[in-house]
Amino acid sequence: MLPLLVKVEAGECTDRLTVRLVSGQSPASFANQADSLAHGFRVLLCRVRTASPGMIILGWSAATRSPSR
């Protein structure tokens, strides 16, 4: 099973994805992969925070976008 993308917010300075976790996933699993997620989104830094039980927010700011983007 895959996590569900609930909301996408693309702002001038900050982008955020709200993700609903599936059974067996934890915010720590995503936090441990934050570096890999950053590379996938072509940003220098990806933050993972808990929004509510079973829901996380992945976020990064325009200042962390890779220069090649």
Protein backbone atom coordinates (compact mmCIF):
# COMPACT_ATOMS: atom_id res chain seq x y z
CA MET A 1 0.00 0.00 0.00
CA LEU A 2 1.11 3.52 -0.73
CA PRO A 3 0.67 6.63 1.41
CA LEU A 4 -2.11 8.94 0.22
CA LEU A 5 -1.29 12.43 -0.97
CA VAL A 6 -3.97 14.54 0.73
CA LYS A 7 -2.97 18.12 -0.07
CA VAL A 8 -0.42 19.99 -2.17
CA GLU A 9 0.46 23.58 -1.34
CA ALA A 10 2.85 25.44 -3.64
CA GLY A 11 3.55 28.94 -2.43
CA GLU A 12 5.98 31.64 -3.41
CA CYS A 13 8.36 30.70 -0.63
CA THR A 14 7.23 27.35 0.75
CA ASP A 15 5.95 24.10 -0.73
CA ARG A 16 4.16 21.50 1.38
CA LEU A 17 2.71 18.05 0.86
CA THR A 18 0.26 16.59 3.36
CA VAL A 19 0.43 12.80 3.37
CA ARG A 20 -1.81 10.23 5.08
CA LEU A 21 0.25 7.27 6.26
CA VAL A 22 -0.88 3.68 5.80
CA SER A 23 -0.80 1.01 8.47
CA GLY A 24 2.77 0.18 9.46
CA GLN A 25 4.26 3.52 8.40
CA SER A 26 5.49 6.10 10.86
CA PRO A 27 6.65 9.71 10.64
CA ALA A 28 10.08 8.47 11.74
CA SER A 29 10.31 6.35 8.57
CA PHE A 30 9.91 9.47 6.46
CA ALA A 31 12.20 11.56 8.68
CA ASN A 32 14.91 8.91 8.28
CA GLN A 33 14.56 9.28 4.51
CA ALA A 34 14.41 13.09 4.46
CA ASP A 35 17.75 13.35 2.63
CA SER A 36 16.54 10.98 -0.10
CA LEU A 37 13.25 12.86 -0.35
CA ALA A 38 15.16 16.13 -0.75
CA HIS A 39 17.10 14.68 -3.66
CA GLY A 40 13.88 13.40 -5.22
CA PHE A 41 12.24 16.83 -4.98
CA ARG A 42 15.50 18.52 -6.07
CA VAL A 43 15.78 20.64 -2.95
CA LEU A 44 18.62 20.94 -0.47
CA LEU A 45 16.53 20.21 2.62
CA CYS A 46 13.22 18.43 3.23
CA ARG A 47 11.47 18.70 6.60
CA VAL A 48 9.05 16.10 7.94
CA ARG A 49 6.63 16.93 10.73
CA THR A 50 3.58 15.30 12.22
CA ALA A 51 0.29 17.07 11.45
CA SER A 52 -1.91 14.65 13.39
CA PRO A 53 -1.87 10.92 14.13
CA GLY A 54 -1.37 9.15 10.81
CA MET A 55 -0.73 12.38 8.91
CA ILE A 56 2.58 14.11 8.07
CA ILE A 57 3.65 17.24 6.25
CA LEU A 58 6.68 17.27 3.97
CA GLY A 59 7.97 20.78 3.46
CA TRP A 60 10.74 22.84 1.97
CA SER A 61 11.28 26.50 1.17
CA ALA A 62 12.32 28.22 -2.02
CA ALA A 63 15.62 29.06 -0.34
CA THR A 64 16.44 25.35 -0.21
CA ARG A 65 15.81 24.66 -3.90
CA SER A 66 18.77 23.37 -5.79
CA PRO A 67 20.34 26.01 -8.10
CA SER A 68 19.91 23.66 -11.08
CA ARG A 69 16.13 23.74 -10.75
